[in-house]
Amino acid sequence: MTQQPEVLVEVTRYSVCVLPRGDINFTAFVMYVQRRRDGWGITDGAGWVASVTGQWTLDHYDALTFAELEDALSLARKLAPDRRINGHTAMDAYRRTHPAP
């Protein structure tokens, strides 16, 4: 009888967003730090972050690639509040759906 190999489990994608998952705007503003062949990249599911200033590209070959997960997560956390969709930032959306008491 052939011995079965160990089953491997690996985390390959992290969600980064200032909005909680249940917020109606979450899917518009979420970014993913995702495992790539040669490291980690930041994507929204279509485009990729191409610079530390938050420029985006549709060509994954032009995307920033980080050797270390923590570096990619750090940049994604930095960019998350100012993520802009249709002229509104993630923080604008947060303030609309989570008004101060």
Protein backbone atom coordinates (compact mmCIF):
# COMPACT_ATOMS: atom_id res chain seq x y z
CA MET A 1 0.00 0.00 0.00
CA THR A 2 1.29 3.45 -0.95
CA GLN A 3 1.56 5.97 1.85
CA GLN A 4 -0.36 9.19 1.16
CA PRO A 5 1.60 12.44 1.27
CA GLU A 6 0.77 15.09 3.84
CA VAL A 7 -2.03 17.44 2.77
CA LEU A 8 -0.66 20.99 2.52
CA VAL A 9 -2.59 24.16 3.31
CA GLU A 10 -1.20 27.56 2.33
CA VAL A 11 -2.64 31.06 2.67
CA THR A 12 -2.23 32.80 -0.68
CA ARG A 13 -4.45 35.89 -0.38
CA TYR A 14 -5.21 38.50 2.28
CA SER A 15 -8.03 41.08 2.17
CA VAL A 16 -7.09 44.68 3.04
CA CYS A 17 -9.77 47.35 3.45
CA VAL A 18 -10.82 50.10 5.89
CA LEU A 19 -14.42 48.92 5.53
CA PRO A 20 -15.66 45.84 7.38
CA ARG A 21 -16.51 42.81 5.24
CA GLY A 22 -20.26 43.27 5.76
CA ASP A 23 -20.26 46.87 4.51
CA ILE A 24 -22.12 47.40 1.21
CA ASN A 25 -19.04 49.16 -0.23
CA PHE A 26 -16.49 46.52 0.84
CA THR A 27 -16.27 44.78 -2.53
CA ALA A 28 -15.61 48.07 -4.33
CA PHE A 29 -12.76 49.17 -2.07
CA VAL A 30 -11.08 45.95 -0.97
CA MET A 31 -7.55 45.19 -2.13
CA TYR A 32 -5.90 41.80 -1.96
CA VAL A 33 -2.32 40.99 -1.13
CA GLN A 34 -1.93 37.93 -3.27
CA ARG A 35 0.79 35.34 -3.70
CA ARG A 36 2.43 35.53 -7.10
CA ARG A 37 4.90 33.20 -8.71
CA ASP A 38 7.83 35.34 -7.58
CA GLY A 39 6.52 36.93 -4.36
CA TRP A 40 3.52 39.01 -3.28
CA GLY A 41 1.51 41.62 -5.18
CA ILE A 42 -1.43 43.92 -4.44
CA THR A 43 -4.52 43.56 -6.63
CA ASP A 44 -8.16 44.53 -6.71
CA GLY A 45 -8.98 41.46 -8.76
CA ALA A 46 -8.36 43.17 -12.10
CA GLY A 47 -5.47 45.61 -11.76
CA TRP A 48 -2.22 45.54 -9.82
CA VAL A 49 -0.39 48.18 -7.80
CA ALA A 50 2.56 49.30 -9.90
CA SER A 51 4.24 51.79 -7.55
CA VAL A 52 4.53 52.69 -3.88
CA THR A 53 2.53 55.85 -4.62
CA GLY A 54 -0.50 53.74 -5.52
CA GLN A 55 -0.40 53.85 -9.32
CA TRP A 56 -2.28 50.92 -10.86
CA THR A 57 -1.67 48.83 -13.97
CA LEU A 58 -3.71 46.19 -15.74
CA ASP A 59 -0.52 44.38 -16.77
CA HIS A 60 0.56 42.07 -13.96
CA TYR A 61 4.10 42.07 -15.42
CA ASP A 62 4.37 45.78 -14.51
CA ALA A 63 3.12 45.23 -10.96
CA LEU A 64 5.23 45.66 -7.87
CA THR A 65 6.34 42.35 -6.45
CA PHE A 66 7.44 42.00 -2.85
CA ALA A 67 9.67 39.21 -1.64
CA GLU A 68 8.24 39.55 1.88
CA LEU A 69 4.54 39.31 2.74
CA GLU A 70 4.85 41.95 5.48
CA ASP A 71 6.17 44.52 2.98
CA ALA A 72 3.17 43.99 0.69
CA LEU A 73 0.72 44.11 3.61
CA SER A 74 2.34 47.29 4.90
CA LEU A 75 1.92 49.09 1.57
CA ALA A 76 -1.65 47.82 1.16
CA ARG A 77 -2.52 49.14 4.65
CA LYS A 78 -0.98 52.50 3.74
CA LEU A 79 -2.92 52.73 0.45
CA ALA A 80 -6.28 51.40 1.73
CA PRO A 81 -7.76 54.62 3.22
CA ASP A 82 -7.11 56.62 0.03
CA ARG A 83 -8.23 53.91 -2.41
CA ARG A 84 -10.34 55.85 -4.91
CA ILE A 85 -13.36 54.50 -6.80
CA ASN A 86 -15.49 56.82 -8.96
CA GLY A 87 -13.96 59.87 -7.29
CA HIS A 88 -14.62 58.70 -3.72
CA THR A 89 -12.06 57.32 -1.29
CA ALA A 90 -12.56 54.35 0.96
CA MET A 91 -12.63 56.77 3.90
CA ASP A 92 -15.43 58.76 2.21
CA ALA A 93 -17.42 55.52 1.95
CA TYR A 94 -16.60 54.63 5.54
CA ARG A 95 -17.84 58.01 6.83
CA ARG A 96 -21.09 57.65 4.85
CA THR A 97 -21.91 54.20 6.18
CA HIS A 98 -20.37 54.58 9.68
CA PRO A 99 -21.19 58.11 10.83
CA ALA A 100 -19.58 59.39 14.03
CA PRO A 101 -21.90 59.14 17.06
